[in-house]
Amino acid sequence: MNPYEPGMLGASALHSLSSRNIVKKQKRILHGKEYNMFYNPMWSLLGDINLPDGTYFYDDSSQEVNLYWNIFDQVLIRPSLIELFNSTYAGRIPNLSLTNYLYVW
């Protein structure tokens, strides 16, 4: 799921936002109900500052809207932990071989 999809953004879903300052408010009230928030630093990986512009590329040129780059792996942080989070670690891990972390029985 991309960070901008309803399941990530919705107050009744994960309610994960791109703004540290908004999330530091810790919750918001919608229709009389309180909703806690998460900070999602993965938003910063979308766009043209870092290359590549996401973590998953899919060219669906047959569609009117074609996102090309997606970012399906998310990191969600509660407001109380935002100041402890080092944003340089929210990114792609280069040359990672998962076999290094597998335990063979």
Protein backbone atom coordinates (compact mmCIF):
# COMPACT_ATOMS: atom_id res chain seq x y z
CA MET A 1 0.00 0.00 0.00
CA ASN A 2 1.38 3.41 -0.95
CA PRO A 3 1.61 6.07 1.79
CA TYR A 4 -1.07 8.22 0.12
CA GLU A 5 -3.74 5.51 -0.08
CA PRO A 6 -6.86 5.66 2.14
CA GLY A 7 -5.75 2.65 4.19
CA MET A 8 -2.64 4.54 5.27
CA LEU A 9 -4.13 8.04 5.58
CA GLY A 10 -7.64 7.43 6.85
CA ALA A 11 -8.41 8.39 10.44
CA SER A 12 -10.24 5.09 10.93
CA ALA A 13 -7.40 3.20 9.24
CA LEU A 14 -3.67 3.58 10.07
CA HIS A 15 -3.84 7.41 10.08
CA SER A 16 -0.18 7.76 9.10
CA LEU A 17 0.83 11.22 7.91
CA SER A 18 3.85 12.81 6.26
CA SER A 19 4.18 15.77 8.64
CA ARG A 20 6.08 15.42 11.92
CA ASN A 21 4.53 18.65 13.22
CA ILE A 22 0.96 17.51 12.68
CA VAL A 23 1.60 14.07 14.17
CA LYS A 24 3.23 15.63 17.25
CA LYS A 25 -0.26 16.87 18.16
CA GLN A 26 -0.78 13.13 18.84
CA LYS A 27 -4.44 12.92 17.86
CA ARG A 28 -7.27 14.67 16.13
CA ILE A 29 -11.00 14.73 16.62
CA LEU A 30 -13.22 13.82 13.69
CA HIS A 31 -17.00 13.78 14.12
CA GLY A 32 -16.59 13.76 17.90
CA LYS A 33 -14.20 10.79 17.99
CA GLU A 34 -10.47 10.94 18.83
CA TYR A 35 -7.99 9.33 16.43
CA ASN A 36 -4.32 8.72 17.20
CA MET A 37 -1.77 9.38 14.46
CA PHE A 38 1.43 7.85 13.15
CA TYR A 39 4.31 9.64 11.44
CA ASN A 40 5.31 7.98 8.17
CA PRO A 41 8.83 9.06 7.11
CA MET A 42 8.61 6.97 3.94
CA TRP A 43 6.85 9.87 2.19
CA SER A 44 10.28 11.47 1.81
CA LEU A 45 11.33 8.68 -0.56
CA LEU A 46 8.74 9.68 -3.16
CA GLY A 47 9.82 12.35 -5.61
CA ASP A 48 12.95 13.38 -7.42
CA ILE A 49 15.30 14.20 -4.54
CA ASN A 50 16.45 10.61 -4.05
CA LEU A 51 16.92 8.15 -6.85
CA PRO A 52 15.16 5.92 -7.47
CA ASP A 53 11.87 7.66 -6.71
CA GLY A 54 10.35 4.84 -4.67
CA THR A 55 10.94 1.18 -3.90
CA TYR A 56 8.83 -0.52 -6.57
CA PHE A 57 8.63 0.46 -10.25
CA TYR A 58 5.63 -0.52 -12.36
CA ASP A 59 4.95 0.94 -15.81
CA ASP A 60 1.25 0.72 -16.57
CA SER A 61 1.24 3.03 -19.59
CA SER A 62 -2.12 1.69 -20.73
CA GLN A 63 -3.80 3.61 -17.87
CA GLU A 64 -4.56 7.33 -17.83
CA VAL A 65 -2.96 7.63 -14.38
CA ASN A 66 0.40 5.89 -14.17
CA LEU A 67 2.33 6.31 -10.94
CA TYR A 68 5.43 4.43 -12.17
CA TRP A 69 7.10 4.49 -8.74
CA ASN A 70 5.44 3.07 -5.64
CA ILE A 71 6.56 2.61 -2.08
CA PHE A 72 4.84 -0.35 -0.49
CA ASP A 73 7.16 -0.78 2.52
CA GLN A 74 6.21 1.62 5.31
CA VAL A 75 7.70 2.71 8.64
CA LEU A 76 5.13 4.07 11.10
CA ILE A 77 6.20 5.96 14.22
CA ARG A 78 4.13 7.11 17.19
CA PRO A 79 4.44 10.81 18.16
CA SER A 80 6.38 10.04 21.35
CA LEU A 81 9.18 8.43 19.32
CA ILE A 82 9.54 11.01 16.54
CA GLU A 83 12.44 12.86 18.19
CA LEU A 84 14.34 9.58 18.59
CA PHE A 85 13.97 8.67 14.93
CA ASN A 86 16.93 9.32 12.66
CA SER A 87 15.48 9.91 9.19
CA THR A 88 18.71 8.87 7.48
CA TYR A 89 17.78 5.27 8.32
CA ALA A 90 14.41 5.42 6.54
CA GLY A 91 15.44 4.42 3.10
CA ARG A 92 16.59 1.66 0.90
CA ILE A 93 19.14 -0.78 2.25
CA PRO A 94 21.65 -1.28 -0.56
CA ASN A 95 23.02 -4.70 -1.46
CA LEU A 96 21.08 -6.52 1.22
CA SER A 97 20.98 -10.25 0.85
CA LEU A 98 18.14 -11.76 2.84
CA THR A 99 19.99 -15.06 2.92
CA ASN A 100 22.35 -13.46 5.46
CA TYR A 101 19.42 -13.28 7.88
CA LEU A 102 17.81 -16.66 7.31
CA TYR A 103 18.25 -19.47 9.77
CA VAL A 104 18.41 -22.88 8.14
CA TRP A 105 17.01 -25.77 10.21
